Amino acid sequence: MSTAAHAPFRVLMVGRTGVFMAPVAERLMRLQLAERAIPLNAIRVVSAGVEVCDGKPMEVRSAEAITRHGGNPDGYVARTLNRALVDRADMIITARMDVHDDVVEQFPSAESRTFTISEIGHLYSEVAEMAPLAEHPGLLSRRRSAVAVDPDFDLDDEAYDDEQERRLFERIAFACDWLADVWAAIVPGAGAASGTGSARSTTVDIDAFGVAVRLVCDGDDPERLARAVGLVWSRLVRQDPREPEVTVHVSVLDRHEDRVGARRAGHLAYATIDEALHHLTSTVTVRAIDARAGQLVMLHAAAVALPDGRAVGFVAPSGTGKTTLARVLGAHFGYVTDETLAVDFRQRVFPYPKPLSIITDPELGMKEQWSADSLDLLPAPAQVRLTRLVLLERIPGRVGPPRFEGIPLLRGLAEVASQVSYLPRLPGKLHDLADLAEAVGGLVRLTYADAADVVGVVPALVAGEQGGGGR
């Protein structure tokens, strides 16, 4: 069972007027979450307007669009954006950049939680969503400073003819459906259908850093789905008789109506196997993180190990090259993980050679899943112990060999802490992280240009020949 306590993830949709696009986004987002059996105590969605009078009804055309897409417009009253709404929100999504700027100007503390609809789409395609949902605003915000986001999906607020208006609402509906798929894959309990599956379902059992996860594959062709899952998760498929700690039901169904029915029954349901594999990587990872909250230090980090079991972890924000580094280094050293490094308080590493996620469709944020075996990465030793923690800084085009720099402990902890899942759940909180950093000889920053440049320095890193920082 998870030791983590989950409060609702609160989403605030903000438009200019609060009576045109914002209510459509609110109600269609609620519809998509409900169709995926996500309860209100997991994600709550409300809306507001920058320029609106409290209590004003939504526009008739907005209500018609909500009904046309299967939602319910009843009972909506507009709310003016205010401090209480902003402070309660975990994520704020605006129709376009000028509304974003107004929100941030009025409430500067909300900047790291406020995104345009274009930013949401582009940034999610850049980052790995393999973290609890509460961490996602931080993941997206940290990546935003390094990515030029095309405002191609931002919504206008001008006068429309009927056809332009229809396309506008279609775009909102698409965004809500897509975002609901992202969130449904990782919210606690999603995919946890009651029962054991249909008579045709096939199970695949996975070990995710010690957490027994059972994937119940169902849908139009359960055996084909199970084979695909088993292939990409080949390094982690387990045959032991343990009862699963986590069970996830996943279906691939061609008909939209069938997917809706499966989701309402508690399944994660997708149109294609590729979509299912893409989202399942997040699902398995986050379920395991939830189950081990407070028991392990879980870093957003790649790691490789020498044959004797000594390992180095490379810590960096999502989307900055950890998977590429793991793929290159894994051809020379034991592949431990490319994204989630789980370590106990005695430096024991729980290898997690998950599929490597490679972006194939940037516009949809789809990532193709490749198993460690398919990429011919070397297996990690049976026993792995962390002996080095490295903070990565990749500078494309940088000339010269990789550069190492010892980091003072307190400064380094400030960076590492933002890459730890459920840090507040650890018994000693930041003290546990500091103890781990000191146990591995301090923290080191590695500045490099290409992953191939790092291969030759790994043995020295593992041996501690590149010194760490002091206090």
Foldseek 3Di string as FASTA:
>chain_A
DFPDDAAAQEEEEEEAAQQEVFLLLQFLLVVLLLLLVNDVRHYHYDYAHQDYDWFDHHDPVSQVLQVVVPTHRPPDTHHHDDDVSLVVHLAYEYLADVRQVVVCVVPVVSNLRYYYLQLVQQLLLQFQLQFAPSLVSVLSSVCVVVDDTDRPLRDDDDDDDPVVSNVNSVSSSVSSNLVSLQNLLFTPQFQVFPDQDDPQWDWWWFQALNAIEIETEDEDHRVVLNVVVCQLRVVTTDDDPDDGPYYGYEYAYQDPVVQSVVSNRRHSYYPDSLSVVQSNLSNVSNVVCSRCQQFWWKFQWWKFAAQVQEMETEHDRGNPQQLVLLLLLQQPTAGQDSTIWTAGLQQWTRGGQGWRWDDDDSSSSGTGTHHCVNSPGHHHHPTHGYQAYEYEDADAPDDDAKDKDADALVVVLVVRLSGTHNLVSHPVRSVSVSSVQVNNQAYMYIYYHHSNSCNVCRVCRSVCVRHHHHD
